[in-house]
């Protein structure tokens, strides 16, 4: 993947620390591939299931953190400190260009999110979080939070290697920001208040996560048309990453059995299906995961 072709972002920042208005609230953020993989790693290390209780809402491994916060500071993407930061700057910039163009074609304005890089712990509008949570999007401050260190776990333990696999992670979280701008978060909350279940194979959480996968596919399609930056094997690496974090695959890894009633992100097949749907069409109209079977 010729990721250097991507536009540089002006919306990348670094910071860390405690605070954030109380304990971390899992329901207030949307974990992507990184968050789920980190939970699997911790489950294997400590030989206990950390995924089900966390996704079930009891806080799991992400607890209130303390300590002195390091205020967010803008990253100089024109002269980044290392290659990983440069990669994040370029991928984030590509999402900004792609989604700005897409929204403009519909007569709308795209509001850029921030990409907040941190190490260890971080305070957010959704509460305090730790590295164990992995990459996530907080709708309260419209920021994507990412500890770059998790990319090594992605490659070493789950064999989801390749630049496009890493790019997919960021694009998925930005997909949640697109949902925020389109009012999907508000609609999900309304449906939940009307009695629709959040968890489970047919739940709102699964449908929302699969739509973010589909939006990542839309980004992949349109960015490829503009930049022609993918190489043979790149798409397969992203599909492998999507497959690696299906609820069914992860539950088999940590528990030895599949429990559809606790699904929150969709099966491996579903995640691949919806990413491919977005990538094939390049149109968010193909991403209505809330209609019919997810």
C-alpha atoms as a PDB file:
ATOM      1  CA  UNK A   1       0.000   0.000   0.000  1.00  0.00           C
ATOM      2  CA  UNK A   2       1.459   3.349  -1.042  1.00  0.00           C
ATOM      3  CA  UNK A   3       0.060   5.082   2.014  1.00  0.00           C
ATOM      4  CA  UNK A   4       2.367   8.080   1.530  1.00  0.00           C
ATOM      5  CA  UNK A   5       0.042   9.147  -1.304  1.00  0.00           C
ATOM      6  CA  UNK A   6      -2.608  10.019   1.254  1.00  0.00           C
ATOM      7  CA  UNK A   7      -3.223  13.606   2.225  1.00  0.00           C
ATOM      8  CA  UNK A   8      -1.759  14.760   5.527  1.00  0.00           C
ATOM      9  CA  UNK A   9      -4.227  15.608   8.266  1.00  0.00           C
ATOM     10  CA  UNK A  10      -4.301  18.759  10.378  1.00  0.00           C
ATOM     11  CA  UNK A  11      -6.421  16.982  12.995  1.00  0.00           C
ATOM     12  CA  UNK A  12      -4.023  14.616  14.722  1.00  0.00           C
ATOM     13  CA  UNK A  13      -3.068  15.255  18.343  1.00  0.00           C
ATOM     14  CA  UNK A  14      -1.227  13.567  21.194  1.00  0.00           C
ATOM     15  CA  UNK A  15      -1.982  13.496  24.908  1.00  0.00           C
ATOM     16  CA  UNK A  16      -2.698  11.243  27.846  1.00  0.00           C
ATOM     17  CA  UNK A  17      -3.708  11.231  31.474  1.00  0.00           C
ATOM     18  CA  UNK A  18      -6.613  10.636  33.821  1.00  0.00           C
ATOM     19  CA  UNK A  19      -9.814  12.532  34.235  1.00  0.00           C
ATOM     20  CA  UNK A  20     -12.648  12.467  31.771  1.00  0.00           C
ATOM     21  CA  UNK A  21     -15.601  12.729  34.092  1.00  0.00           C
ATOM     22  CA  UNK A  22     -15.828   9.426  35.917  1.00  0.00           C
ATOM     23  CA  UNK A  23     -15.352   5.788  35.055  1.00  0.00           C
ATOM     24  CA  UNK A  24     -15.150   4.637  31.474  1.00  0.00           C
ATOM     25  CA  UNK A  25     -18.495   3.888  29.889  1.00  0.00           C
ATOM     26  CA  UNK A  26     -18.335   1.048  27.328  1.00  0.00           C
ATOM     27  CA  UNK A  27     -21.745   1.971  25.921  1.00  0.00           C
ATOM     28  CA  UNK A  28     -20.512   5.480  25.184  1.00  0.00           C
ATOM     29  CA  UNK A  29     -17.811   4.416  22.763  1.00  0.00           C
ATOM     30  CA  UNK A  30     -17.576   2.071  19.818  1.00  0.00           C
ATOM     31  CA  UNK A  31     -14.717  -0.381  19.887  1.00  0.00           C
ATOM     32  CA  UNK A  32     -13.159  -1.400  16.632  1.00  0.00           C
ATOM     33  CA  UNK A  33     -10.823  -4.183  15.651  1.00  0.00           C
ATOM     34  CA  UNK A  34      -8.095  -3.022  18.017  1.00  0.00           C
ATOM     35  CA  UNK A  35     -10.210  -2.949  21.136  1.00  0.00           C
ATOM     36  CA  UNK A  36     -11.540  -6.428  20.558  1.00  0.00           C
ATOM     37  CA  UNK A  37      -8.113  -7.871  19.773  1.00  0.00           C
ATOM     38  CA  UNK A  38      -6.595  -6.387  22.918  1.00  0.00           C
ATOM     39  CA  UNK A  39      -9.374  -7.949  24.996  1.00  0.00           C
ATOM     40  CA  UNK A  40      -8.664 -11.318  23.395  1.00  0.00           C
ATOM     41  CA  UNK A  41      -4.954 -10.984  24.186  1.00  0.00           C
ATOM     42  CA  UNK A  42      -5.686 -10.127  27.812  1.00  0.00           C
ATOM     43  CA  UNK A  43      -8.129 -13.023  28.074  1.00  0.00           C
ATOM     44  CA  UNK A  44      -5.471 -15.442  26.850  1.00  0.00           C
ATOM     45  CA  UNK A  45      -2.809 -14.013  29.154  1.00  0.00           C
ATOM     46  CA  UNK A  46      -4.935 -14.041  32.312  1.00  0.00           C
ATOM     47  CA  UNK A  47      -6.865 -17.184  31.316  1.00  0.00           C
ATOM     48  CA  UNK A  48     -10.230 -15.600  31.972  1.00  0.00           C
ATOM     49  CA  UNK A  49     -12.957 -14.186  29.760  1.00  0.00           C
ATOM     50  CA  UNK A  50     -12.604 -10.424  29.714  1.00  0.00           C
ATOM     51  CA  UNK A  51     -14.613  -9.910  26.533  1.00  0.00           C
ATOM     52  CA  UNK A  52     -18.132 -10.889  27.603  1.00  0.00           C
ATOM     53  CA  UNK A  53     -18.255  -8.869  30.846  1.00  0.00           C
ATOM     54  CA  UNK A  54     -16.720  -5.822  29.175  1.00  0.00           C
ATOM     55  CA  UNK A  55     -19.085  -5.826  26.229  1.00  0.00           C
ATOM     56  CA  UNK A  56     -21.921  -6.638  28.577  1.00  0.00           C
ATOM     57  CA  UNK A  57     -21.439  -3.265  30.210  1.00  0.00           C
ATOM     58  CA  UNK A  58     -19.790  -3.822  33.564  1.00  0.00           C
ATOM     59  CA  UNK A  59     -16.609  -1.983  32.705  1.00  0.00           C
ATOM     60  CA  UNK A  60     -14.299  -4.998  32.384  1.00  0.00           C
ATOM     61  CA  UNK A  61     -10.640  -4.095  32.075  1.00  0.00           C
ATOM     62  CA  UNK A  62     -11.225  -0.413  31.459  1.00  0.00           C
ATOM     63  CA  UNK A  63     -11.411   1.354  34.765  1.00  0.00           C
ATOM     64  CA  UNK A  64     -11.143   4.893  36.022  1.00  0.00           C
ATOM     65  CA  UNK A  65      -7.540   6.004  35.781  1.00  0.00           C
ATOM     66  CA  UNK A  66      -5.703   8.618  37.757  1.00  0.00           C
ATOM     67  CA  UNK A  67      -2.620  10.731  37.442  1.00  0.00           C
ATOM     68  CA  UNK A  68      -1.578  13.942  35.825  1.00  0.00           C
ATOM     69  CA  UNK A  69      -3.038  14.505  32.396  1.00  0.00           C
ATOM     70  CA  UNK A  70      -0.824  15.579  29.537  1.00  0.00           C
ATOM     71  CA  UNK A  71      -2.898  18.129  27.586  1.00  0.00           C
ATOM     72  CA  UNK A  72      -3.529  17.355  23.952  1.00  0.00           C
ATOM     73  CA  UNK A  73      -1.024  18.894  21.593  1.00  0.00           C
ATOM     74  CA  UNK A  74      -1.254  19.032  17.807  1.00  0.00           C
ATOM     75  CA  UNK A  75       0.988  16.637  15.921  1.00  0.00           C
ATOM     76  CA  UNK A  76       3.124  18.131  13.179  1.00  0.00           C
ATOM     77  CA  UNK A  77       2.104  15.784  10.389  1.00  0.00           C
ATOM     78  CA  UNK A  78       4.470  17.534   7.984  1.00  0.00           C
ATOM     79  CA  UNK A  79       7.394  16.456  10.154  1.00  0.00           C
ATOM     80  CA  UNK A  80       6.164  13.527  12.258  1.00  0.00           C
ATOM     81  CA  UNK A  81       8.220  11.955  15.013  1.00  0.00           C
ATOM     82  CA  UNK A  82       8.172   8.465  13.492  1.00  0.00           C
ATOM     83  CA  UNK A  83       6.772   6.383  10.661  1.00  0.00           C
ATOM     84  CA  UNK A  84       3.769   5.138  12.626  1.00  0.00           C
ATOM     85  CA  UNK A  85       2.625   8.690  13.311  1.00  0.00           C
ATOM     86  CA  UNK A  86       3.242   9.546   9.658  1.00  0.00           C
ATOM     87  CA  UNK A  87       1.079   6.578   8.671  1.00  0.00           C
ATOM     88  CA  UNK A  88      -1.724   7.681  10.979  1.00  0.00           C
ATOM     89  CA  UNK A  89      -1.515  11.244   9.623  1.00  0.00           C
ATOM     90  CA  UNK A  90      -1.804  10.074   6.021  1.00  0.00           C
ATOM     91  CA  UNK A  91      -4.637   7.622   6.637  1.00  0.00           C
ATOM     92  CA  UNK A  92      -6.570  10.185   8.665  1.00  0.00           C
ATOM     93  CA  UNK A  93      -6.003  12.783   5.952  1.00  0.00           C
ATOM     94  CA  UNK A  94      -7.313  10.396   3.322  1.00  0.00           C
ATOM     95  CA  UNK A  95     -10.532   9.859   5.305  1.00  0.00           C
ATOM     96  CA  UNK A  96     -10.998  13.620   5.601  1.00  0.00           C
ATOM     97  CA  UNK A  97     -10.632  14.167   1.863  1.00  0.00           C
ATOM     98  CA  UNK A  98     -12.811  11.213   0.905  1.00  0.00           C
ATOM     99  CA  UNK A  99     -15.656  11.997   3.277  1.00  0.00           C
ATOM    100  CA  UNK A 100     -15.510  15.752   2.649  1.00  0.00           C
ATOM    101  CA  UNK A 101     -15.939  15.100  -1.067  1.00  0.00           C
ATOM    102  CA  UNK A 102     -18.714  12.597  -0.428  1.00  0.00           C
ATOM    103  CA  UNK A 103     -20.684  14.915   1.838  1.00  0.00           C
ATOM    104  CA  UNK A 104     -20.169  17.850  -0.544  1.00  0.00           C
ATOM    105  CA  UNK A 105     -21.636  15.804  -3.413  1.00  0.00           C
ATOM    106  CA  UNK A 106     -24.784  15.455  -1.301  1.00  0.00           C
ATOM    107  CA  UNK A 107     -24.894  19.164  -0.462  1.00  0.00           C
ATOM    108  CA  UNK A 108     -23.696  18.595   3.092  1.00  0.00           C
ATOM    109  CA  UNK A 109     -20.640  19.619   5.095  1.00  0.00           C
ATOM    110  CA  UNK A 110     -18.332  17.063   6.632  1.00  0.00           C
ATOM    111  CA  UNK A 111     -16.926  18.025  10.017  1.00  0.00           C
ATOM    112  CA  UNK A 112     -13.489  16.470  10.550  1.00  0.00           C
ATOM    113  CA  UNK A 113     -13.012  14.405  13.701  1.00  0.00           C
ATOM    114  CA  UNK A 114      -9.788  14.473  15.680  1.00  0.00           C
ATOM    115  CA  UNK A 115      -7.412  11.530  15.872  1.00  0.00           C
ATOM    116  CA  UNK A 116      -6.023  11.450  19.405  1.00  0.00           C
ATOM    117  CA  UNK A 117      -2.880   9.367  19.902  1.00  0.00           C
ATOM    118  CA  UNK A 118      -2.106   8.254  23.448  1.00  0.00           C
ATOM    119  CA  UNK A 119      -0.121   5.792  25.505  1.00  0.00           C
ATOM    120  CA  UNK A 120      -1.221   4.065  28.672  1.00  0.00           C
ATOM    121  CA  UNK A 121      -4.347   5.975  29.596  1.00  0.00           C
ATOM    122  CA  UNK A 122      -6.410   8.883  28.383  1.00  0.00           C
ATOM    123  CA  UNK A 123      -9.276  11.096  29.529  1.00  0.00           C
ATOM    124  CA  UNK A 124     -12.184  11.422  27.102  1.00  0.00           C
ATOM    125  CA  UNK A 125     -15.674  12.864  27.031  1.00  0.00           C
ATOM    126  CA  UNK A 126     -16.825   9.264  27.480  1.00  0.00           C
ATOM    127  CA  UNK A 127     -14.746   8.836  30.645  1.00  0.00           C
ATOM    128  CA  UNK A 128     -11.218   7.655  31.364  1.00  0.00           C
ATOM    129  CA  UNK A 129      -9.873   4.785  29.279  1.00  0.00           C
ATOM    130  CA  UNK A 130      -6.725   2.686  29.112  1.00  0.00           C
ATOM    131  CA  UNK A 131      -4.717   1.082  26.348  1.00  0.00           C
ATOM    132  CA  UNK A 132      -6.580  -2.166  27.028  1.00  0.00           C
ATOM    133  CA  UNK A 133      -9.672  -0.692  25.389  1.00  0.00           C
ATOM    134  CA  UNK A 134      -7.868  -0.409  22.056  1.00  0.00           C
ATOM    135  CA  UNK A 135      -8.900   2.031  19.306  1.00  0.00           C
ATOM    136  CA  UNK A 136     -12.347   3.549  19.808  1.00  0.00           C
ATOM    137  CA  UNK A 137     -14.551   6.457  18.836  1.00  0.00           C
ATOM    138  CA  UNK A 138     -16.125   8.750  21.430  1.00  0.00           C
ATOM    139  CA  UNK A 139     -19.184  10.592  20.079  1.00  0.00           C
ATOM    140  CA  UNK A 140     -19.112  12.974  23.041  1.00  0.00           C
ATOM    141  CA  UNK A 141     -15.999  14.778  21.783  1.00  0.00           C
ATOM    142  CA  UNK A 142     -16.029  13.408  18.212  1.00  0.00           C
ATOM    143  CA  UNK A 143     -12.544  11.941  18.508  1.00  0.00           C
ATOM    144  CA  UNK A 144     -10.953   8.675  17.461  1.00  0.00           C
ATOM    145  CA  UNK A 145      -8.594   7.407  20.177  1.00  0.00           C
ATOM    146  CA  UNK A 146      -5.660   5.218  19.228  1.00  0.00           C
ATOM    147  CA  UNK A 147      -2.628   3.762  20.958  1.00  0.00           C
ATOM    148  CA  UNK A 148      -0.325   2.970  18.044  1.00  0.00           C
ATOM    149  CA  UNK A 149       1.300   0.180  20.032  1.00  0.00           C
ATOM    150  CA  UNK A 150      -1.608  -2.176  19.381  1.00  0.00           C
ATOM    151  CA  UNK A 151      -0.647  -2.552  15.694  1.00  0.00           C
ATOM    152  CA  UNK A 152       2.148  -4.906  16.760  1.00  0.00           C
ATOM    153  CA  UNK A 153      -0.363  -7.129  18.549  1.00  0.00           C
ATOM    154  CA  UNK A 154      -2.524  -7.067  15.433  1.00  0.00           C
ATOM    155  CA  UNK A 155       0.341  -8.472  13.407  1.00  0.00           C
ATOM    156  CA  UNK A 156       2.078 -10.790  15.864  1.00  0.00           C
ATOM    157  CA  UNK A 157      -0.807 -12.519  17.589  1.00  0.00           C
ATOM    158  CA  UNK A 158      -3.572 -12.425  14.985  1.00  0.00           C
ATOM    159  CA  UNK A 159      -1.587 -12.428  11.779  1.00  0.00           C
ATOM    160  CA  UNK A 160      -3.577  -9.487  10.420  1.00  0.00           C
ATOM    161  CA  UNK A 161      -0.561  -7.827   8.883  1.00  0.00           C
ATOM    162  CA  UNK A 162      -0.242  -5.218   6.179  1.00  0.00           C
ATOM    163  CA  UNK A 163      -0.695  -1.481   5.962  1.00  0.00           C
ATOM    164  CA  UNK A 164      -4.225  -1.760   4.617  1.00  0.00           C
ATOM    165  CA  UNK A 165      -5.255  -3.863   7.611  1.00  0.00           C
ATOM    166  CA  UNK A 166      -4.021  -1.031   9.863  1.00  0.00           C
ATOM    167  CA  UNK A 167      -5.730   1.543   7.669  1.00  0.00           C
ATOM    168  CA  UNK A 168      -8.998  -0.383   7.955  1.00  0.00           C
ATOM    169  CA  UNK A 169      -8.841  -0.025  11.738  1.00  0.00           C
ATOM    170  CA  UNK A 170      -8.739   3.774  11.519  1.00  0.00           C
ATOM    171  CA  UNK A 171     -11.320   3.878   8.722  1.00  0.00           C
ATOM    172  CA  UNK A 172     -13.737   1.788  10.805  1.00  0.00           C
ATOM    173  CA  UNK A 173     -13.531   4.217  13.722  1.00  0.00           C
ATOM    174  CA  UNK A 174     -13.973   7.170  11.368  1.00  0.00           C
ATOM    175  CA  UNK A 175     -17.002   5.289  10.059  1.00  0.00           C
ATOM    176  CA  UNK A 176     -18.558   5.749  13.494  1.00  0.00           C
ATOM    177  CA  UNK A 177     -17.927   9.486  13.173  1.00  0.00           C
ATOM    178  CA  UNK A 178     -19.775   9.462   9.846  1.00  0.00           C
ATOM    179  CA  UNK A 179     -22.642   7.761  11.659  1.00  0.00           C
ATOM    180  CA  UNK A 180     -22.582  10.504  14.264  1.00  0.00           C
ATOM    181  CA  UNK A 181     -22.872  13.189  11.574  1.00  0.00           C
ATOM    182  CA  UNK A 182     -25.663  11.337   9.770  1.00  0.00           C
ATOM    183  CA  UNK A 183     -27.731  11.005  12.951  1.00  0.00           C
ATOM    184  CA  UNK A 184     -27.367   7.226  13.242  1.00  0.00           C
ATOM    185  CA  UNK A 185     -26.404   7.454  16.916  1.00  0.00           C
ATOM    186  CA  UNK A 186     -29.611   9.358  17.698  1.00  0.00           C
ATOM    187  CA  UNK A 187     -31.727   6.866  15.753  1.00  0.00           C
ATOM    188  CA  UNK A 188     -30.137   3.929  17.554  1.00  0.00           C
ATOM    189  CA  UNK A 189     -30.843   5.576  20.902  1.00  0.00           C
ATOM    190  CA  UNK A 190     -34.465   6.132  19.904  1.00  0.00           C
ATOM    191  CA  UNK A 191     -34.879   2.498  18.841  1.00  0.00           C
ATOM    192  CA  UNK A 192     -33.285   1.347  22.086  1.00  0.00           C
ATOM    193  CA  UNK A 193     -35.713   3.476  24.068  1.00  0.00           C
ATOM    194  CA  UNK A 194     -38.541   1.870  22.113  1.00  0.00           C
ATOM    195  CA  UNK A 195     -37.413  -1.558  23.285  1.00  0.00           C
ATOM    196  CA  UNK A 196     -35.084  -2.773  20.546  1.00  0.00           C
ATOM    197  CA  UNK A 197     -32.214  -4.836  22.033  1.00  0.00           C
ATOM    198  CA  UNK A 198     -28.641  -3.555  21.795  1.00  0.00           C
ATOM    199  CA  UNK A 199     -26.801  -6.884  22.105  1.00  0.00           C
ATOM    200  CA  UNK A 200     -27.383 -10.181  20.366  1.00  0.00           C
ATOM    201  CA  UNK A 201     -26.996 -11.409  16.809  1.00  0.00           C
ATOM    202  CA  UNK A 202     -29.878  -9.199  15.658  1.00  0.00           C
ATOM    203  CA  UNK A 203     -29.157  -6.315  18.049  1.00  0.00           C
ATOM    204  CA  UNK A 204     -28.589  -2.653  17.330  1.00  0.00           C
ATOM    205  CA  UNK A 205     -24.931  -2.795  18.350  1.00  0.00           C
ATOM    206  CA  UNK A 206     -24.154  -5.451  15.737  1.00  0.00           C
ATOM    207  CA  UNK A 207     -25.970  -3.481  13.061  1.00  0.00           C
ATOM    208  CA  UNK A 208     -24.178  -0.264  13.977  1.00  0.00           C
ATOM    209  CA  UNK A 209     -20.753  -1.918  13.943  1.00  0.00           C
ATOM    210  CA  UNK A 210     -21.413  -3.623  10.617  1.00  0.00           C
ATOM    211  CA  UNK A 211     -22.425  -0.292   9.127  1.00  0.00           C
ATOM    212  CA  UNK A 212     -19.120   1.207  10.264  1.00  0.00           C
ATOM    213  CA  UNK A 213     -17.404  -1.687   8.467  1.00  0.00           C
ATOM    214  CA  UNK A 214     -19.417  -0.878   5.356  1.00  0.00           C
ATOM    215  CA  UNK A 215     -18.504   2.813   5.615  1.00  0.00           C
ATOM    216  CA  UNK A 216     -14.844   1.758   5.843  1.00  0.00           C
ATOM    217  CA  UNK A 217     -15.414  -0.093   2.584  1.00  0.00           C
ATOM    218  CA  UNK A 218     -16.902   3.029   0.993  1.00  0.00           C
ATOM    219  CA  UNK A 219     -13.796   4.945   2.045  1.00  0.00           C
ATOM    220  CA  UNK A 220     -11.588   2.198   0.575  1.00  0.00           C
ATOM    221  CA  UNK A 221     -13.410   2.332  -2.762  1.00  0.00           C
ATOM    222  CA  UNK A 222     -13.376   6.087  -3.197  1.00  0.00           C
ATOM    223  CA  UNK A 223      -9.864   6.592  -1.881  1.00  0.00           C
ATOM    224  CA  UNK A 224      -8.536   3.940  -4.242  1.00  0.00           C
ATOM    225  CA  UNK A 225     -10.216   5.684  -7.170  1.00  0.00           C
ATOM    226  CA  UNK A 226      -8.531   8.951  -6.209  1.00  0.00           C
ATOM    227  CA  UNK A 227      -5.084   7.758  -5.143  1.00  0.00           C
ATOM    228  CA  UNK A 228      -4.608   4.336  -6.775  1.00  0.00           C
ATOM    229  CA  UNK A 229      -2.550   3.340  -3.747  1.00  0.00           C
ATOM    230  CA  UNK A 230      -3.433  -0.327  -3.213  1.00  0.00           C
ATOM    231  CA  UNK A 231      -1.146  -3.196  -4.179  1.00  0.00           C
ATOM    232  CA  UNK A 232      -1.911  -6.903  -4.700  1.00  0.00           C
ATOM    233  CA  UNK A 233      -2.828  -8.489  -1.393  1.00  0.00           C
ATOM    234  CA  UNK A 234      -3.875  -5.256   0.320  1.00  0.00           C
ATOM    235  CA  UNK A 235      -7.611  -5.892   0.108  1.00  0.00           C
ATOM    236  CA  UNK A 236      -7.111  -9.427   1.379  1.00  0.00           C
ATOM    237  CA  UNK A 237      -5.229  -8.084   4.420  1.00  0.00           C
ATOM    238  CA  UNK A 238      -8.152  -5.820   5.320  1.00  0.00           C
ATOM    239  CA  UNK A 239     -10.644  -8.643   4.852  1.00  0.00           C
ATOM    240  CA  UNK A 240      -8.464 -10.847   7.054  1.00  0.00           C
ATOM    241  CA  UNK A 241      -8.493  -8.168   9.746  1.00  0.00           C
ATOM    242  CA  UNK A 242     -12.287  -7.871   9.537  1.00  0.00           C
ATOM    243  CA  UNK A 243     -12.670 -11.643   9.739  1.00  0.00           C
ATOM    244  CA  UNK A 244     -10.294 -11.951  12.693  1.00  0.00           C
ATOM    245  CA  UNK A 245     -12.554  -9.874  14.926  1.00  0.00           C
ATOM    246  CA  UNK A 246     -15.916 -11.488  14.287  1.00  0.00           C
ATOM    247  CA  UNK A 247     -17.816 -12.228  17.486  1.00  0.00           C
ATOM    248  CA  UNK A 248     -17.996 -15.937  16.678  1.00  0.00           C
ATOM    249  CA  UNK A 249     -14.262 -16.227  15.994  1.00  0.00           C
ATOM    250  CA  UNK A 250     -13.293 -14.342  19.137  1.00  0.00           C
ATOM    251  CA  UNK A 251     -15.663 -16.295  21.366  1.00  0.00           C
ATOM    252  CA  UNK A 252     -14.234 -19.573  20.088  1.00  0.00           C
ATOM    253  CA  UNK A 253     -10.744 -18.259  20.887  1.00  0.00           C
ATOM    254  CA  UNK A 254     -11.529 -17.233  24.457  1.00  0.00           C
ATOM    255  CA  UNK A 255     -14.413 -19.478  25.527  1.00  0.00           C
ATOM    256  CA  UNK A 256     -14.418 -22.435  23.172  1.00  0.00           C
ATOM    257  CA  UNK A 257     -18.041 -21.810  22.220  1.00  0.00           C
ATOM    258  CA  UNK A 258     -20.215 -19.275  20.423  1.00  0.00           C
ATOM    259  CA  UNK A 259     -22.950 -17.341  22.238  1.00  0.00           C
ATOM    260  CA  UNK A 260     -24.993 -15.345  19.695  1.00  0.00           C
ATOM    261  CA  UNK A 261     -27.013 -13.679  22.457  1.00  0.00           C
ATOM    262  CA  UNK A 262     -23.880 -11.746  23.480  1.00  0.00           C
ATOM    263  CA  UNK A 263     -22.822 -10.629  19.989  1.00  0.00           C
ATOM    264  CA  UNK A 264     -21.981  -6.927  19.686  1.00  0.00           C
ATOM    265  CA  UNK A 265     -19.998  -6.622  16.439  1.00  0.00           C
ATOM    266  CA  UNK A 266     -21.239  -9.375  14.125  1.00  0.00           C
ATOM    267  CA  UNK A 267     -19.760 -12.618  12.889  1.00  0.00           C
ATOM    268  CA  UNK A 268     -16.592 -12.854  10.827  1.00  0.00           C
ATOM    269  CA  UNK A 269     -18.664 -13.547   7.723  1.00  0.00           C
ATOM    270  CA  UNK A 270     -20.879 -10.538   8.373  1.00  0.00           C
ATOM    271  CA  UNK A 271     -17.959  -8.157   8.908  1.00  0.00           C
ATOM    272  CA  UNK A 272     -16.325  -9.281   5.679  1.00  0.00           C
ATOM    273  CA  UNK A 273     -19.658  -9.120   3.848  1.00  0.00           C
ATOM    274  CA  UNK A 274     -20.380  -5.519   4.798  1.00  0.00           C
ATOM    275  CA  UNK A 275     -16.844  -4.248   4.234  1.00  0.00           C
ATOM    276  CA  UNK A 276     -16.992  -5.806   0.758  1.00  0.00           C
ATOM    277  CA  UNK A 277     -20.422  -4.277   0.136  1.00  0.00           C
ATOM    278  CA  UNK A 278     -19.123  -0.783   0.829  1.00  0.00           C
ATOM    279  CA  UNK A 279     -15.961  -1.328  -1.166  1.00  0.00           C
ATOM    280  CA  UNK A 280     -17.853  -2.710  -4.153  1.00  0.00           C
ATOM    281  CA  UNK A 281     -20.340   0.153  -4.334  1.00  0.00           C
ATOM    282  CA  UNK A 282     -18.522   3.173  -2.923  1.00  0.00           C
ATOM    283  CA  UNK A 283     -21.983   4.329  -1.818  1.00  0.00           C
ATOM    284  CA  UNK A 284     -23.354   4.568   1.711  1.00  0.00           C
ATOM    285  CA  UNK A 285     -26.783   3.670   0.323  1.00  0.00           C
ATOM    286  CA  UNK A 286     -25.493   0.099   0.188  1.00  0.00           C
ATOM    287  CA  UNK A 287     -24.794   0.202   3.936  1.00  0.00           C
ATOM    288  CA  UNK A 288     -28.273  -0.049   5.430  1.00  0.00           C
ATOM    289  CA  UNK A 289     -27.467  -2.735   7.957  1.00  0.00           C
ATOM    290  CA  UNK A 290     -30.581  -1.843   9.949  1.00  0.00           C
ATOM    291  CA  UNK A 291     -32.950  -3.355   7.371  1.00  0.00           C
ATOM    292  CA  UNK A 292     -33.477  -7.110   7.109  1.00  0.00           C
ATOM    293  CA  UNK A 293     -30.864  -9.613   8.197  1.00  0.00           C
ATOM    294  CA  UNK A 294     -27.587  -7.994   9.315  1.00  0.00           C
END
